Amino acid sequence: MFVLIPIRTESVIRRPPTVNYFLVGANIAAFVLLHEALAPAALLVFKSRYLSLHSAQPAFYQFFTYQFLHADTWHLLGNLLFLWVFGNSVNGKMGNGPYLCFYLAGGVFAGWGYCLVTPGASQLMGASGAIAAVTTAYLALCPRSHVTVLAWIFIFIHLFEVPAMLLIGLKIIVWDNIIAPGIGGHGAVAHSAHLAGYLYGFVGALGMLFVRALPRDQFDMLALWKRWHQRRELAAALAEPGAGARAEYGSVARIQSEDPKVREMEQRQLDEITDLRSRISERIEQRDSIGATELYERLMELDSKQCLFERHQLELARAFYGSGRFPQAAAAFGRYLECYPKASDASNVRLLLGIIYARDLGQYETADRHLTQCLEALSDDTRRKQCYHWLQNVRTILGRPVPEGL
């Protein structure tokens, strides 16, 4: 006997997955109320005739009711295991209302896919389609995460971690629902409903990320694709002598040398830069400001023109400032303003940068330049007064005329 059972993910759940708890409870309650050993015969007939999804002539409401029915205890427990492991994270990411709609819509789409593939007189029951949608939604939202799996091999039990893409993509989708049915496994399982649910969950979650109905981060599937595409573009630029050095990675994107050793060194540098950027983002998401700043300094040593994504660059600059490392903070804030001059808080960041140069670094010429610029851009009266106060001090030290009062 060889069994693989996912038991938890490493994803951080930032808000209580209330709806997922409700769905687990609703499935258990429906199973108990409609259990063959407990329910009266009339109710069991009603369950089979009206609540199951009949593929030949499905009623609209059956696309919802079938999702809460299960054939037996193992069917229920298997579904709830996957709902608990992956659903809590997806619920935490989406929020309660959107998650409930997404879950039910996944079940509807899975049922519709089943009816298309199996138009004959057959019945479908179970939450598998909806949970399949949740599973691939997790893959779209957290593709780089790992899942802890319990391996049960005869009398031996072992825990190990598997990348989510490997477990969900290859084992759960490809093996369990495409390969195994073809060699005679899982004969009574509605694989078409599963596959329809997987399709809906993955495409639906990607669509929500694309239109920003869900908060984006550095670790979702779209971010991975973007970085892969950037690396392809950069590799193409480096592969063409004379191509324009136009890439996010600054000075490494230059005309490629004909010398194979130099080209190999450039590729290693690019790989290291890409790895550092990814690790910095991970540290920031994990609230590890010390680790993030250390990695950022290594990144600056490789290429001083690097700039992180907007939120990460700002958080990293604040981490330097909060730890009293003012030269590094000034450089990071300055890089933020160079890369994102039209950011909504650019004026406030420039004010802080001017104060750092004046108060903490004693570089009054640079402070004068930043404070003058932000005084012209600030609209908030409190900030303008603060900027004017510091500009007065700086101009006095430099022996220059103080601007007229506000």
Protein backbone atom coordinates (compact mmCIF):
# COMPACT_ATOMS: atom_id res chain seq x y z
CA MET A 1 0.00 0.00 0.00
CA PHE A 2 1.33 3.42 -1.00
CA VAL A 3 -0.65 6.57 -0.15
CA LEU A 4 0.29 10.27 -0.39
CA ILE A 5 -1.80 12.61 1.76
CA PRO A 6 -1.29 16.42 1.76
CA ILE A 7 -1.69 17.69 5.31
CA ARG A 8 -0.71 21.39 5.27
CA THR A 9 0.79 24.20 3.22
CA GLU A 10 3.44 26.72 4.19
CA SER A 11 1.32 29.70 3.10
CA VAL A 12 0.69 32.35 5.75
CA ILE A 13 -3.05 32.93 6.36
CA ARG A 14 -3.46 36.61 7.25
CA ARG A 15 -7.19 36.59 8.06
CA PRO A 16 -9.54 33.92 9.43
CA PRO A 17 -10.94 31.67 6.65
CA THR A 18 -14.46 31.86 8.09
CA VAL A 19 -16.31 30.76 4.95
CA ASN A 20 -14.06 27.72 4.51
CA TYR A 21 -14.90 26.66 8.06
CA PHE A 22 -18.59 27.11 7.19
CA LEU A 23 -18.26 25.00 4.01
CA VAL A 24 -16.55 22.19 5.92
CA GLY A 25 -19.34 22.27 8.50
CA ALA A 26 -22.08 22.43 5.85
CA ASN A 27 -20.73 19.37 4.05
CA ILE A 28 -20.52 17.42 7.30
CA ALA A 29 -24.05 18.47 8.34
CA ALA A 30 -25.53 17.53 4.96
CA PHE A 31 -23.80 14.15 5.07
CA VAL A 32 -25.11 13.36 8.56
CA LEU A 33 -28.66 14.53 7.81
CA LEU A 34 -28.83 12.53 4.56
CA HIS A 35 -26.93 9.46 5.69
CA GLU A 36 -28.54 6.17 4.76
CA ALA A 37 -28.42 4.90 8.33
CA LEU A 38 -30.03 8.02 9.82
CA ALA A 39 -32.35 9.61 7.27
CA PRO A 40 -35.87 8.26 6.58
CA ALA A 41 -36.42 6.47 3.30
CA ALA A 42 -38.51 9.29 1.87
CA LEU A 43 -35.68 11.78 2.41
CA LEU A 44 -33.20 9.45 0.74
CA VAL A 45 -35.48 9.16 -2.28
CA PHE A 46 -35.78 12.97 -2.35
CA LYS A 47 -31.96 13.26 -2.18
CA SER A 48 -31.44 10.90 -5.10
CA ARG A 49 -34.23 12.28 -7.26
CA TYR A 50 -33.93 16.02 -6.66
CA LEU A 51 -30.67 16.98 -4.95
CA SER A 52 -28.17 15.02 -7.05
CA LEU A 53 -27.15 16.47 -10.42
CA HIS A 54 -28.83 14.49 -13.21
CA SER A 55 -26.72 14.87 -16.33
CA ALA A 56 -29.55 13.97 -18.73
CA GLN A 57 -31.94 16.70 -17.53
CA PRO A 58 -30.20 18.85 -14.92
CA ALA A 59 -32.26 21.40 -13.02
CA PHE A 60 -30.59 24.74 -12.30
CA TYR A 61 -30.69 24.36 -8.52
CA GLN A 62 -29.05 20.92 -8.75
CA PHE A 63 -25.79 22.58 -9.84
CA PHE A 64 -25.63 23.89 -6.26
CA THR A 65 -27.25 21.16 -4.19
CA TYR A 66 -25.11 18.31 -5.59
CA GLN A 67 -22.01 20.02 -4.18
CA PHE A 68 -23.01 19.17 -0.61
CA LEU A 69 -23.81 15.48 -1.14
CA HIS A 70 -21.36 12.59 -0.69
CA ALA A 71 -21.64 8.91 -1.44
CA ASP A 72 -19.86 7.61 1.66
CA THR A 73 -17.58 8.58 4.54
CA TRP A 74 -14.35 8.19 2.57
CA HIS A 75 -15.72 10.38 -0.21
CA LEU A 76 -16.53 13.07 2.36
CA LEU A 77 -13.23 12.84 4.26
CA GLY A 78 -11.14 12.92 1.09
CA ASN A 79 -12.88 16.03 -0.16
CA LEU A 80 -12.76 17.84 3.17
CA LEU A 81 -9.05 17.09 3.53
CA PHE A 82 -8.26 18.94 0.31
CA LEU A 83 -10.73 21.70 1.15
CA TRP A 84 -9.03 22.24 4.51
CA VAL A 85 -5.45 22.08 3.21
CA PHE A 86 -5.90 24.43 0.25
CA GLY A 87 -9.15 26.24 0.95
CA ASN A 88 -8.01 28.06 4.09
CA SER A 89 -5.22 29.83 2.20
CA VAL A 90 -7.43 30.71 -0.78
CA ASN A 91 -10.18 31.99 1.52
CA GLY A 92 -7.64 34.09 3.41
CA LYS A 93 -6.38 35.56 0.14
CA MET A 94 -9.76 36.26 -1.46
CA GLY A 95 -11.83 37.25 1.55
CA ASN A 96 -15.07 35.64 2.64
CA GLY A 97 -17.63 36.92 0.13
CA PRO A 98 -15.55 36.48 -3.04
CA TYR A 99 -14.34 33.08 -1.87
CA LEU A 100 -17.87 31.77 -1.33
CA CYS A 101 -18.90 32.93 -4.82
CA PHE A 102 -15.74 31.46 -6.33
CA TYR A 103 -16.27 28.11 -4.58
CA LEU A 104 -19.90 27.74 -5.65
CA ALA A 105 -19.14 28.89 -9.20
CA GLY A 106 -16.38 26.29 -9.37
CA GLY A 107 -18.89 23.60 -8.46
CA VAL A 108 -21.36 24.88 -11.06
CA PHE A 109 -18.71 24.90 -13.78
CA ALA A 110 -17.54 21.42 -12.80
CA GLY A 111 -21.12 20.13 -12.94
CA TRP A 112 -21.65 21.73 -16.34
CA GLY A 113 -18.47 20.12 -17.64
CA TYR A 114 -19.66 16.75 -16.36
CA CYS A 115 -23.02 17.11 -18.10
CA LEU A 116 -21.32 17.96 -21.39
CA VAL A 117 -19.03 14.94 -21.27
CA THR A 118 -21.56 12.54 -19.73
CA PRO A 119 -24.94 13.48 -21.24
CA GLY A 120 -26.50 10.08 -20.44
CA ALA A 121 -28.70 9.33 -17.47
CA SER A 122 -26.22 9.48 -14.59
CA GLN A 123 -26.02 11.25 -11.25
CA LEU A 124 -23.26 13.43 -9.85
CA MET A 125 -22.73 14.27 -6.22
CA GLY A 126 -19.87 15.59 -4.14
CA ALA A 127 -17.82 18.74 -3.53
CA SER A 128 -14.92 17.45 -5.65
CA GLY A 129 -15.49 19.88 -8.54
CA ALA A 130 -15.63 22.96 -6.32
CA ILE A 131 -12.61 21.77 -4.34
CA ALA A 132 -10.73 21.11 -7.57
CA ALA A 133 -11.30 24.78 -8.43
CA VAL A 134 -9.98 25.82 -5.02
CA THR A 135 -6.92 23.60 -5.46
CA THR A 136 -5.82 25.15 -8.76
CA ALA A 137 -6.71 28.61 -7.45
CA TYR A 138 -4.16 27.93 -4.72
CA LEU A 139 -1.67 26.95 -7.43
CA ALA A 140 -2.26 30.26 -9.24
CA LEU A 141 -1.94 32.30 -6.04
CA CYS A 142 0.94 30.44 -4.37
CA PRO A 143 2.84 28.52 -7.08
CA ARG A 144 6.20 28.61 -5.29
CA SER A 145 4.92 27.35 -1.97
CA HIS A 146 5.48 23.84 -0.61
CA VAL A 147 2.98 21.32 0.68
CA THR A 148 3.76 18.93 3.52
CA VAL A 149 2.81 15.42 2.44
CA LEU A 150 2.37 12.29 4.54
CA ALA A 151 3.63 9.20 2.73
CA TRP A 152 2.18 5.92 3.99
CA ILE A 153 4.10 2.95 2.63
CA PHE A 154 2.88 -0.29 4.19
CA ILE A 155 3.80 0.16 7.88
CA PHE A 156 6.08 3.17 7.34
CA ILE A 157 4.95 6.78 7.63
CA HIS A 158 7.13 9.66 6.51
CA LEU A 159 6.59 13.44 6.20
CA PHE A 160 8.26 15.50 3.49
CA GLU A 161 7.69 18.73 1.57
CA VAL A 162 6.77 18.85 -2.11
CA PRO A 163 6.55 21.97 -4.33
CA ALA A 164 2.90 22.88 -4.88
CA MET A 165 3.35 22.93 -8.65
CA LEU A 166 4.70 19.39 -8.61
CA LEU A 167 2.05 17.98 -6.29
CA ILE A 168 -0.98 19.69 -7.80
CA GLY A 169 0.12 19.81 -11.43
CA LEU A 170 1.63 16.37 -11.88
CA LYS A 171 0.25 14.16 -9.15
CA ILE A 172 -3.28 15.43 -8.50
CA ILE A 173 -4.26 16.67 -11.97
CA VAL A 174 -2.21 14.65 -14.47
CA TRP A 175 -1.79 11.33 -12.67
CA ASP A 176 -5.00 11.06 -10.64
CA ASN A 177 -7.35 12.43 -13.31
CA ILE A 178 -5.74 11.71 -16.70
CA ILE A 179 -3.28 8.82 -16.51
CA ALA A 180 -4.78 6.63 -13.76
CA PRO A 181 -8.30 6.52 -15.30
CA GLY A 182 -6.77 5.39 -18.57
CA ILE A 183 -5.13 2.37 -16.92
CA GLY A 184 -8.20 1.32 -14.98
CA GLY A 185 -7.97 3.31 -11.76
CA HIS A 186 -10.70 5.26 -9.97
CA GLY A 187 -13.52 3.85 -12.08
CA ALA A 188 -16.43 5.50 -10.23
CA VAL A 189 -14.86 8.95 -10.00
CA ALA A 190 -16.25 11.82 -12.13
CA HIS A 191 -12.92 12.88 -13.63
CA SER A 192 -14.56 15.22 -16.14
CA ALA A 193 -16.02 17.24 -13.26
CA HIS A 194 -12.61 17.38 -11.60
CA LEU A 195 -10.87 18.57 -14.77
CA ALA A 196 -13.54 21.20 -15.40
CA GLY A 197 -13.11 22.41 -11.83
CA TYR A 198 -9.33 22.55 -12.20
CA LEU A 199 -9.68 24.58 -15.39
CA TYR A 200 -12.13 27.03 -13.86
CA GLY A 201 -10.07 27.49 -10.66
CA PHE A 202 -6.80 28.19 -12.44
CA VAL A 203 -8.16 30.46 -15.17
CA GLY A 204 -10.55 32.21 -12.79
CA ALA A 205 -7.86 32.96 -10.20
CA LEU A 206 -5.47 34.20 -12.91
CA GLY A 207 -8.20 36.44 -14.26
CA MET A 208 -8.86 37.90 -10.81
CA LEU A 209 -5.16 38.58 -10.42
CA PHE A 210 -4.95 40.13 -13.88
CA VAL A 211 -7.77 42.62 -13.27
CA ARG A 212 -6.51 43.10 -9.70
CA ALA A 213 -9.69 41.84 -8.11
CA LEU A 214 -7.20 40.00 -5.89
CA PRO A 215 -4.13 41.68 -4.35
CA ARG A 216 -0.99 40.97 -6.39
CA ASP A 217 2.34 40.00 -4.87
CA GLN A 218 5.76 38.80 -5.94
CA PHE A 219 4.84 35.14 -5.58
CA ASP A 220 1.68 34.64 -7.64
CA MET A 221 1.66 32.92 -11.01
CA LEU A 222 1.48 36.15 -13.02
CA ALA A 223 4.57 37.46 -11.22
CA LEU A 224 6.44 34.25 -12.08
CA TRP A 225 5.45 34.55 -15.73
CA LYS A 226 6.48 38.20 -15.79
CA ARG A 227 9.93 37.41 -14.41
CA TRP A 228 10.32 34.52 -16.86
CA HIS A 229 9.37 36.81 -19.75
CA GLN A 230 11.82 39.47 -18.54
CA ARG A 231 14.61 36.96 -18.42
CA ARG A 232 13.79 35.80 -21.95
CA GLU A 233 13.85 39.37 -23.23
CA LEU A 234 17.11 40.08 -21.46
CA ALA A 235 18.68 36.87 -22.74
CA ALA A 236 17.62 37.82 -26.25
CA ALA A 237 19.16 41.27 -25.85
CA LEU A 238 22.43 39.84 -24.59
CA ALA A 239 22.48 37.26 -27.39
CA GLU A 240 22.48 39.93 -30.10
CA PRO A 241 25.66 42.03 -30.33
CA GLY A 242 24.57 45.60 -30.95
CA ALA A 243 21.10 45.14 -29.46
CA GLY A 244 19.91 48.00 -27.25
CA ALA A 245 20.65 47.49 -23.56
CA ARG A 246 17.08 47.80 -22.49
CA ALA A 247 16.19 45.67 -19.54
CA GLU A 248 15.20 45.93 -15.95
CA TYR A 249 18.55 44.61 -14.78
CA GLY A 250 20.57 47.73 -15.45
CA SER A 251 24.23 47.49 -16.25
CA VAL A 252 24.23 43.76 -16.89
CA ALA A 253 22.04 44.35 -19.96
CA ARG A 254 24.84 45.48 -22.23
CA ILE A 255 26.13 44.33 -25.57
CA GLN A 256 27.13 40.74 -25.22
CA SER A 257 30.78 39.92 -25.52
CA GLU A 258 32.01 37.48 -28.14
CA ASP A 259 34.26 35.90 -25.55
CA PRO A 260 32.50 32.74 -24.24
CA LYS A 261 34.06 33.20 -20.79
CA VAL A 262 32.77 36.75 -20.55
CA ARG A 263 29.34 35.66 -21.73
CA GLU A 264 29.26 32.92 -19.13
CA MET A 265 30.26 35.40 -16.43
CA GLU A 266 27.49 37.81 -17.54
CA GLN A 267 24.92 35.03 -17.43
CA ARG A 268 26.04 34.01 -13.93
CA GLN A 269 25.75 37.63 -12.82
CA LEU A 270 22.26 37.88 -14.28
CA ASP A 271 21.21 34.66 -12.57
CA GLU A 272 22.56 35.91 -9.26
CA ILE A 273 20.72 39.22 -9.64
CA THR A 274 17.46 37.45 -10.42
CA ASP A 275 17.90 35.16 -7.44
CA LEU A 276 18.72 38.05 -5.10
CA ARG A 277 15.66 40.02 -6.20
CA SER A 278 13.42 37.04 -5.55
CA ARG A 279 14.97 36.36 -2.14
CA ILE A 280 14.69 40.02 -1.12
CA SER A 281 10.99 39.98 -1.97
CA GLU A 282 10.53 36.80 0.05
CA ARG A 283 12.24 38.35 3.08
CA ILE A 284 10.07 41.45 2.83
CA GLU A 285 6.89 39.36 2.67
CA GLN A 286 8.11 37.41 5.69
CA ARG A 287 8.73 40.69 7.58
CA ASP A 288 12.44 39.82 7.81
CA SER A 289 13.81 43.36 7.41
CA ILE A 290 17.34 42.44 8.49
CA GLY A 291 17.63 39.66 5.93
CA ALA A 292 16.09 41.86 3.22
CA THR A 293 18.51 44.74 3.80
CA GLU A 294 21.52 42.43 3.82
CA LEU A 295 20.50 40.88 0.51
CA TYR A 296 19.75 44.32 -0.97
CA GLU A 297 23.28 45.51 -0.17
CA ARG A 298 24.65 42.47 -2.01
CA LEU A 299 22.39 43.34 -4.93
CA MET A 300 23.73 46.92 -5.00
CA GLU A 301 27.28 45.60 -5.09
CA LEU A 302 26.41 43.64 -8.23
CA ASP A 303 24.41 46.40 -9.92
CA SER A 304 23.75 49.78 -8.29
CA LYS A 305 21.00 50.55 -10.82
CA GLN A 306 18.68 47.85 -9.54
CA CYS A 307 15.21 48.81 -8.38
CA LEU A 308 12.67 46.53 -6.73
CA PHE A 309 8.94 46.58 -7.24
CA GLU A 310 7.39 49.79 -5.91
CA ARG A 311 6.08 48.57 -2.56
CA HIS A 312 9.12 46.44 -1.83
CA GLN A 313 11.56 49.24 -2.66
CA LEU A 314 9.75 51.59 -0.30
CA GLU A 315 9.50 49.05 2.51
CA LEU A 316 13.18 48.25 2.20
CA ALA A 317 14.13 51.96 2.34
CA ARG A 318 12.01 52.32 5.47
CA ALA A 319 13.76 49.32 6.99
CA PHE A 320 17.13 51.02 6.52
CA TYR A 321 15.75 54.24 8.01
CA GLY A 322 14.17 52.46 10.98
CA SER A 323 17.48 50.78 11.84
CA GLY A 324 19.37 54.10 11.75
CA ARG A 325 21.33 53.29 8.58
CA PHE A 326 20.77 56.68 7.03
CA PRO A 327 23.18 56.57 4.05
CA GLN A 328 21.62 53.30 2.87
CA ALA A 329 18.13 54.68 3.54
CA ALA A 330 18.87 57.81 1.51
CA ALA A 331 20.16 55.74 -1.39
CA ALA A 332 17.14 53.41 -1.32
CA PHE A 333 14.63 56.30 -1.07
CA GLY A 334 16.45 58.08 -3.88
CA ARG A 335 16.28 54.99 -6.06
CA TYR A 336 12.55 54.76 -5.33
CA LEU A 337 12.02 58.33 -6.56
CA GLU A 338 14.08 57.67 -9.68
CA CYS A 339 12.06 54.58 -10.58
CA TYR A 340 8.62 55.77 -9.46
CA PRO A 341 8.55 59.58 -9.80
CA LYS A 342 4.76 59.61 -10.24
CA ALA A 343 3.97 57.43 -7.23
CA SER A 344 1.15 58.76 -5.06
CA ASP A 345 3.48 59.28 -2.08
CA ALA A 346 6.49 60.54 -4.03
CA SER A 347 6.26 64.03 -2.51
CA ASN A 348 6.17 62.68 1.05
CA VAL A 349 9.12 60.40 0.32
CA ARG A 350 11.07 63.34 -1.12
CA LEU A 351 10.32 65.37 2.03
CA LEU A 352 11.65 62.57 4.21
CA LEU A 353 14.69 62.25 1.96
CA GLY A 354 15.40 65.99 2.27
CA ILE A 355 15.16 65.75 6.06
CA ILE A 356 17.53 62.76 6.12
CA TYR A 357 20.13 64.63 4.05
CA ALA A 358 19.78 67.74 6.27
CA ARG A 359 19.43 66.28 9.75
CA ASP A 360 21.21 62.92 9.59
CA LEU A 361 23.81 63.24 6.84
CA GLY A 362 24.66 66.96 6.81
CA GLN A 363 24.53 67.09 3.00
CA TYR A 364 22.80 70.45 2.75
CA GLU A 365 23.11 70.99 -1.01
CA THR A 366 21.29 67.74 -1.70
CA ALA A 367 18.79 68.48 1.06
CA ASP A 368 18.08 71.92 -0.47
CA ARG A 369 17.36 70.35 -3.85
CA HIS A 370 14.91 67.77 -2.49
CA LEU A 371 13.14 70.15 -0.12
CA THR A 372 12.70 72.77 -2.84
CA GLN A 373 11.19 70.20 -5.18
CA CYS A 374 8.78 68.78 -2.63
CA LEU A 375 7.68 72.25 -1.44
CA GLU A 376 6.42 72.89 -4.96
CA ALA A 377 4.61 69.54 -5.14
CA LEU A 378 3.11 69.17 -1.65
CA SER A 379 -0.56 70.01 -1.22
CA ASP A 380 -1.05 69.05 2.43
CA ASP A 381 -0.66 72.15 4.64
CA THR A 382 0.98 70.26 7.50
CA ARG A 383 3.58 68.71 5.22
CA ARG A 384 4.21 72.04 3.48
CA LYS A 385 4.87 73.74 6.81
CA GLN A 386 7.25 70.94 7.82
CA CYS A 387 9.06 71.19 4.48
CA TYR A 388 9.29 74.98 4.72
CA HIS A 389 10.73 74.74 8.24
CA TRP A 390 13.53 72.42 7.13
CA LEU A 391 14.19 74.43 3.99
CA GLN A 392 14.60 77.56 6.12
CA ASN A 393 17.21 75.80 8.27
CA VAL A 394 19.10 74.48 5.25
CA ARG A 395 19.09 77.83 3.44
CA THR A 396 20.34 79.56 6.60
CA ILE A 397 23.26 77.15 6.86
CA LEU A 398 24.08 77.57 3.16
CA GLY A 399 23.79 81.34 3.38
CA ARG A 400 21.10 81.51 0.75
CA PRO A 401 17.89 83.53 0.64
CA VAL A 402 15.01 81.86 2.45
CA PRO A 403 11.88 81.47 0.32
CA GLU A 404 8.90 83.64 1.11
CA GLY A 405 6.57 82.36 3.84
CA LEU A 406 3.68 80.06 3.06
